[in-house]
Amino acid sequence: MAYDKNENLTNSNVDIDKDSTIDVKNSEVKDAKIRKRIDDLLEQKRLKEMLDDTDDW
């Protein structure tokens, strides 16, 4: 008996909109936005430090 991974895709009854129906708390959304902002700021700081250390001027 061979396993056909494509068989599960065609015969499944998966709800495509399932992810959009998940209840997300406002605090979780806010926390995610804050974490994203912190990550962006740390990346900007890292890139600035890399550019400031170059002697190519």
N, C-alpha and C. Protein backbone atom coordinates (compact mmCIF):
# COMPACT_ATOMS: atom_id res chain seq x y z
N MET A 1 0.85 -1.18 0.00
CA MET A 1 0.00 0.00 0.00
C MET A 1 0.89 1.24 0.00
N ALA A 2 0.75 2.05 -1.00
CA ALA A 2 1.56 3.25 -1.14
C ALA A 2 0.76 4.46 -0.64
N TYR A 3 1.47 5.40 -0.09
CA TYR A 3 0.86 6.63 0.42
C TYR A 3 0.89 7.69 -0.66
N ASP A 4 -0.27 8.24 -0.96
CA ASP A 4 -0.37 9.30 -1.96
C ASP A 4 -0.72 10.60 -1.25
N LYS A 5 0.27 11.49 -1.13
CA LYS A 5 0.04 12.73 -0.40
C LYS A 5 -0.97 13.65 -1.10
N ASN A 6 -1.15 13.52 -2.40
CA ASN A 6 -2.10 14.35 -3.13
C ASN A 6 -3.53 13.90 -2.92
N GLU A 7 -3.73 12.65 -2.53
CA GLU A 7 -5.08 12.15 -2.31
C GLU A 7 -5.77 12.89 -1.17
N ASN A 8 -5.02 13.23 -0.14
CA ASN A 8 -5.60 13.96 0.99
C ASN A 8 -6.03 15.37 0.60
N LEU A 9 -5.37 15.96 -0.36
CA LEU A 9 -5.71 17.32 -0.78
C LEU A 9 -7.02 17.36 -1.55
N THR A 10 -7.27 16.36 -2.36
CA THR A 10 -8.47 16.37 -3.18
C THR A 10 -9.69 15.86 -2.44
N ASN A 11 -9.51 15.02 -1.44
CA ASN A 11 -10.65 14.43 -0.74
C ASN A 11 -10.93 15.06 0.60
N SER A 12 -10.27 16.13 0.94
CA SER A 12 -10.45 16.73 2.26
C SER A 12 -11.61 17.71 2.25
N ASN A 13 -12.19 17.89 3.42
CA ASN A 13 -13.27 18.86 3.60
C ASN A 13 -12.78 20.02 4.45
N VAL A 14 -11.63 20.56 4.13
CA VAL A 14 -11.02 21.63 4.89
C VAL A 14 -11.71 22.94 4.54
N ASP A 15 -12.04 23.68 5.59
CA ASP A 15 -12.65 25.00 5.39
C ASP A 15 -11.54 26.00 5.09
N ILE A 16 -11.56 26.57 3.92
CA ILE A 16 -10.50 27.49 3.48
C ILE A 16 -10.50 28.75 4.34
N ASP A 17 -11.65 29.20 4.78
CA ASP A 17 -11.76 30.43 5.56
C ASP A 17 -11.61 30.19 7.05
N LYS A 18 -11.12 29.06 7.44
CA LYS A 18 -11.02 28.71 8.85
C LYS A 18 -10.15 29.71 9.62
N ASP A 19 -9.03 30.11 9.04
CA ASP A 19 -8.14 31.05 9.72
C ASP A 19 -8.80 32.39 9.97
N SER A 20 -9.66 32.82 9.11
CA SER A 20 -10.30 34.11 9.28
C SER A 20 -11.41 34.08 10.32
N THR A 21 -11.85 32.88 10.72
CA THR A 21 -12.92 32.77 11.70
C THR A 21 -12.39 32.59 13.12
N ILE A 22 -11.09 32.53 13.29
CA ILE A 22 -10.50 32.37 14.61
C ILE A 22 -10.64 33.68 15.38
N ASP A 23 -11.12 33.57 16.62
CA ASP A 23 -11.26 34.75 17.46
C ASP A 23 -9.90 35.15 18.01
N VAL A 24 -9.50 36.36 17.72
CA VAL A 24 -8.23 36.88 18.20
C VAL A 24 -8.54 38.05 19.13
N LYS A 25 -7.95 38.01 20.31
CA LYS A 25 -8.18 39.07 21.28
C LYS A 25 -7.45 40.34 20.84
N ASN A 26 -8.01 41.46 21.19
CA ASN A 26 -7.40 42.75 20.84
C ASN A 26 -6.01 42.87 21.46
N SER A 27 -5.84 42.34 22.67
CA SER A 27 -4.53 42.43 23.32
C SER A 27 -3.48 41.63 22.55
N GLU A 28 -3.89 40.51 21.96
CA GLU A 28 -2.95 39.71 21.18
C GLU A 28 -2.54 40.44 19.91
N VAL A 29 -3.47 41.12 19.28
CA VAL A 29 -3.17 41.91 18.09
C VAL A 29 -2.22 43.04 18.45
N LYS A 30 -2.50 43.70 19.55
CA LYS A 30 -1.67 44.81 20.01
C LYS A 30 -0.26 44.32 20.33
N ASP A 31 -0.16 43.18 21.02
CA ASP A 31 1.14 42.61 21.36
C ASP A 31 1.94 42.25 20.10
N ALA A 32 1.26 41.71 19.12
CA ALA A 32 1.93 41.34 17.87
C ALA A 32 2.46 42.58 17.15
N LYS A 33 1.67 43.66 17.16
CA LYS A 33 2.11 44.90 16.53
C LYS A 33 3.31 45.49 17.27
N ILE A 34 3.29 45.41 18.58
CA ILE A 34 4.40 45.93 19.38
C ILE A 34 5.66 45.13 19.12
N ARG A 35 5.53 43.79 19.09
CA ARG A 35 6.71 42.94 18.81
C ARG A 35 7.27 43.23 17.43
N LYS A 36 6.39 43.44 16.45
CA LYS A 36 6.83 43.76 15.08
C LYS A 36 7.59 45.09 15.07
N ARG A 37 7.07 46.07 15.79
CA ARG A 37 7.72 47.40 15.85
C ARG A 37 9.09 47.30 16.51
N ILE A 38 9.19 46.52 17.58
CA ILE A 38 10.48 46.33 18.27
C ILE A 38 11.46 45.64 17.33
N ASP A 39 11.01 44.61 16.61
CA ASP A 39 11.88 43.93 15.66
C ASP A 39 12.37 44.88 14.57
N ASP A 40 11.47 45.74 14.08
CA ASP A 40 11.85 46.71 13.04
C ASP A 40 12.90 47.69 13.57
N LEU A 41 12.70 48.17 14.79
CA LEU A 41 13.66 49.11 15.37
C LEU A 41 15.01 48.47 15.62
N LEU A 42 15.02 47.23 16.09
CA LEU A 42 16.29 46.52 16.30
C LEU A 42 17.01 46.28 14.98
N GLU A 43 16.26 45.99 13.94
CA GLU A 43 16.88 45.78 12.62
C GLU A 43 17.46 47.10 12.09
N GLN A 44 16.74 48.20 12.28
CA GLN A 44 17.26 49.50 11.85
C GLN A 44 18.53 49.84 12.61
N LYS A 45 18.55 49.56 13.90
CA LYS A 45 19.73 49.83 14.72
C LYS A 45 20.92 48.98 14.25
N ARG A 46 20.65 47.71 13.96
CA ARG A 46 21.71 46.81 13.50
C ARG A 46 22.29 47.30 12.17
N LEU A 47 21.42 47.69 11.26
CA LEU A 47 21.89 48.17 9.95
C LEU A 47 22.66 49.48 10.09
N LYS A 48 22.21 50.37 10.96
CA LYS A 48 22.89 51.63 11.17
C LYS A 48 24.29 51.39 11.73
N GLU A 49 24.40 50.48 12.69
CA GLU A 49 25.71 50.16 13.27
C GLU A 49 26.64 49.56 12.22
N MET A 50 26.11 48.76 11.34
CA MET A 50 26.93 48.18 10.27
C MET A 50 27.44 49.27 9.34
N LEU A 51 26.59 50.23 9.01
CA LEU A 51 26.99 51.29 8.11
C LEU A 51 27.95 52.26 8.78
N ASP A 52 27.78 52.52 10.05
CA ASP A 52 28.65 53.44 10.76
C ASP A 52 30.05 52.88 10.96
N ASP A 53 30.19 51.58 10.96
CA ASP A 53 31.49 50.96 11.17
C ASP A 53 32.34 50.87 9.90
N THR A 54 31.78 51.19 8.78
CA THR A 54 32.53 51.06 7.54
C THR A 54 33.50 52.23 7.38
N ASP A 55 34.63 51.94 6.78
CA ASP A 55 35.65 52.96 6.53
C ASP A 55 35.75 53.29 5.03
N ASP A 56 34.66 53.11 4.33
CA ASP A 56 34.66 53.30 2.89
C ASP A 56 34.39 54.74 2.46
N TRP A 57 34.39 55.66 3.38
CA TRP A 57 34.04 57.03 3.07
C TRP A 57 35.12 57.66 2.30
